[in-house]
Amino acid sequence: MNTAIKKRIRKTKDTNVRDRLRLVGDIQESGNITQAAKKLSMSQPWGSK
C-alpha cells in the first residue's frame, strides 16, 4: 500500500474515510475491486461506489 495512503489512514478519525482509503490501497496492489472489497468484508457494489 502506498505510504501516503497509510499516513492518511492513520490521521483520519472518520471510519468511512479510513475504509475507503484502505480500499484504494488494496485496489492499487491487486488491481481488483471485488477482491479489495472482500478483504474489507464489504460488497463489490460498495467497492465500486
N, C-alpha and C. Protein backbone atom coordinates (compact mmCIF):
# COMPACT_ATOMS: atom_id res chain seq x y z
N MET A 1 0.85 -1.18 0.00
CA MET A 1 0.00 0.00 0.00
C MET A 1 0.89 1.24 0.00
N ASN A 2 0.46 2.23 -0.69
CA ASN A 2 1.16 3.49 -0.83
C ASN A 2 1.40 4.14 0.54
N THR A 3 2.57 4.70 0.74
CA THR A 3 2.93 5.32 2.02
C THR A 3 2.03 6.51 2.33
N ALA A 4 1.67 7.29 1.32
CA ALA A 4 0.80 8.45 1.54
C ALA A 4 -0.58 8.00 2.01
N ILE A 5 -1.07 6.91 1.46
CA ILE A 5 -2.37 6.40 1.88
C ILE A 5 -2.30 5.90 3.32
N LYS A 6 -1.24 5.18 3.66
CA LYS A 6 -1.08 4.70 5.04
C LYS A 6 -1.06 5.86 6.02
N LYS A 7 -0.36 6.91 5.66
CA LYS A 7 -0.26 8.10 6.51
C LYS A 7 -1.64 8.74 6.70
N ARG A 8 -2.39 8.85 5.62
CA ARG A 8 -3.73 9.44 5.68
C ARG A 8 -4.67 8.59 6.53
N ILE A 9 -4.54 7.26 6.41
CA ILE A 9 -5.38 6.35 7.22
C ILE A 9 -5.13 6.58 8.70
N ARG A 10 -3.86 6.73 9.07
CA ARG A 10 -3.53 6.96 10.48
C ARG A 10 -4.07 8.29 10.99
N LYS A 11 -4.12 9.31 10.13
CA LYS A 11 -4.52 10.65 10.55
C LYS A 11 -6.03 10.84 10.65
N THR A 12 -6.79 10.12 9.84
CA THR A 12 -8.24 10.36 9.82
C THR A 12 -8.96 9.63 10.93
N LYS A 13 -9.98 10.28 11.47
CA LYS A 13 -10.78 9.69 12.53
C LYS A 13 -12.06 9.08 11.98
N ASP A 14 -12.46 9.47 10.79
CA ASP A 14 -13.70 9.01 10.17
C ASP A 14 -13.50 7.58 9.64
N THR A 15 -14.25 6.63 10.21
CA THR A 15 -14.08 5.23 9.82
C THR A 15 -14.46 4.97 8.37
N ASN A 16 -15.45 5.70 7.86
CA ASN A 16 -15.83 5.53 6.45
C ASN A 16 -14.70 5.94 5.52
N VAL A 17 -14.06 7.05 5.84
CA VAL A 17 -12.93 7.52 5.04
C VAL A 17 -11.78 6.53 5.13
N ARG A 18 -11.52 6.03 6.32
CA ARG A 18 -10.46 5.03 6.50
C ARG A 18 -10.70 3.78 5.66
N ASP A 19 -11.95 3.30 5.67
CA ASP A 19 -12.28 2.12 4.86
C ASP A 19 -12.08 2.39 3.38
N ARG A 20 -12.49 3.55 2.92
CA ARG A 20 -12.32 3.89 1.51
C ARG A 20 -10.84 3.99 1.14
N LEU A 21 -10.05 4.57 2.04
CA LEU A 21 -8.61 4.66 1.78
C LEU A 21 -7.97 3.28 1.72
N ARG A 22 -8.38 2.41 2.62
CA ARG A 22 -7.86 1.03 2.59
C ARG A 22 -8.25 0.35 1.29
N LEU A 23 -9.48 0.59 0.85
CA LEU A 23 -9.95 0.02 -0.41
C LEU A 23 -9.08 0.49 -1.57
N VAL A 24 -8.81 1.78 -1.63
CA VAL A 24 -7.98 2.32 -2.71
C VAL A 24 -6.59 1.70 -2.68
N GLY A 25 -6.01 1.59 -1.49
CA GLY A 25 -4.69 0.98 -1.37
C GLY A 25 -4.69 -0.47 -1.81
N ASP A 26 -5.72 -1.21 -1.45
CA ASP A 26 -5.82 -2.62 -1.85
C ASP A 26 -6.04 -2.76 -3.35
N ILE A 27 -6.81 -1.85 -3.93
CA ILE A 27 -7.03 -1.88 -5.38
C ILE A 27 -5.71 -1.60 -6.10
N GLN A 28 -4.92 -0.68 -5.58
CA GLN A 28 -3.61 -0.40 -6.18
C GLN A 28 -2.74 -1.65 -6.20
N GLU A 29 -2.81 -2.44 -5.14
CA GLU A 29 -1.99 -3.65 -5.06
C GLU A 29 -2.53 -4.78 -5.93
N SER A 30 -3.83 -5.02 -5.85
CA SER A 30 -4.39 -6.18 -6.54
C SER A 30 -4.94 -5.85 -7.92
N GLY A 31 -5.38 -4.62 -8.11
CA GLY A 31 -5.98 -4.24 -9.37
C GLY A 31 -7.40 -4.76 -9.52
N ASN A 32 -8.00 -5.23 -8.42
CA ASN A 32 -9.31 -5.86 -8.49
C ASN A 32 -10.21 -5.30 -7.39
N ILE A 33 -11.28 -4.62 -7.78
CA ILE A 33 -12.20 -4.01 -6.82
C ILE A 33 -12.89 -5.07 -5.96
N THR A 34 -13.33 -6.15 -6.60
CA THR A 34 -14.06 -7.18 -5.87
C THR A 34 -13.20 -7.80 -4.78
N GLN A 35 -11.96 -8.14 -5.10
CA GLN A 35 -11.06 -8.73 -4.10
C GLN A 35 -10.77 -7.74 -2.97
N ALA A 36 -10.55 -6.48 -3.34
CA ALA A 36 -10.25 -5.47 -2.33
C ALA A 36 -11.44 -5.27 -1.39
N ALA A 37 -12.65 -5.25 -1.93
CA ALA A 37 -13.84 -5.08 -1.10
C ALA A 37 -14.03 -6.29 -0.18
N LYS A 38 -13.83 -7.48 -0.71
CA LYS A 38 -13.96 -8.70 0.11
C LYS A 38 -12.95 -8.69 1.25
N LYS A 39 -11.75 -8.22 0.98
CA LYS A 39 -10.72 -8.16 2.01
C LYS A 39 -11.18 -7.29 3.19
N LEU A 40 -11.99 -6.29 2.89
CA LEU A 40 -12.52 -5.40 3.93
C LEU A 40 -13.89 -5.85 4.42
N SER A 41 -14.32 -7.03 3.98
CA SER A 41 -15.64 -7.58 4.33
C SER A 41 -16.77 -6.68 3.86
N MET A 42 -16.61 -6.10 2.71
CA MET A 42 -17.62 -5.24 2.10
C MET A 42 -18.06 -5.87 0.77
N SER A 43 -19.14 -5.36 0.23
CA SER A 43 -19.66 -5.89 -1.03
C SER A 43 -18.96 -5.24 -2.22
N GLN A 44 -19.07 -5.88 -3.37
CA GLN A 44 -18.49 -5.34 -4.60
C GLN A 44 -19.15 -4.00 -4.97
N PRO A 45 -20.49 -3.86 -4.85
CA PRO A 45 -21.09 -2.57 -5.15
C PRO A 45 -20.56 -1.45 -4.25
N TRP A 46 -20.32 -1.78 -2.98
CA TRP A 46 -19.73 -0.78 -2.07
C TRP A 46 -18.36 -0.35 -2.58
N GLY A 47 -17.59 -1.32 -3.03
CA GLY A 47 -16.26 -1.01 -3.55
C GLY A 47 -16.29 -0.21 -4.83
N SER A 48 -17.28 -0.45 -5.65
CA SER A 48 -17.39 0.27 -6.91
C SER A 48 -17.91 1.69 -6.73
N LYS A 49 -18.63 1.90 -5.66
CA LYS A 49 -19.20 3.22 -5.39
C LYS A 49 -18.09 4.22 -5.21
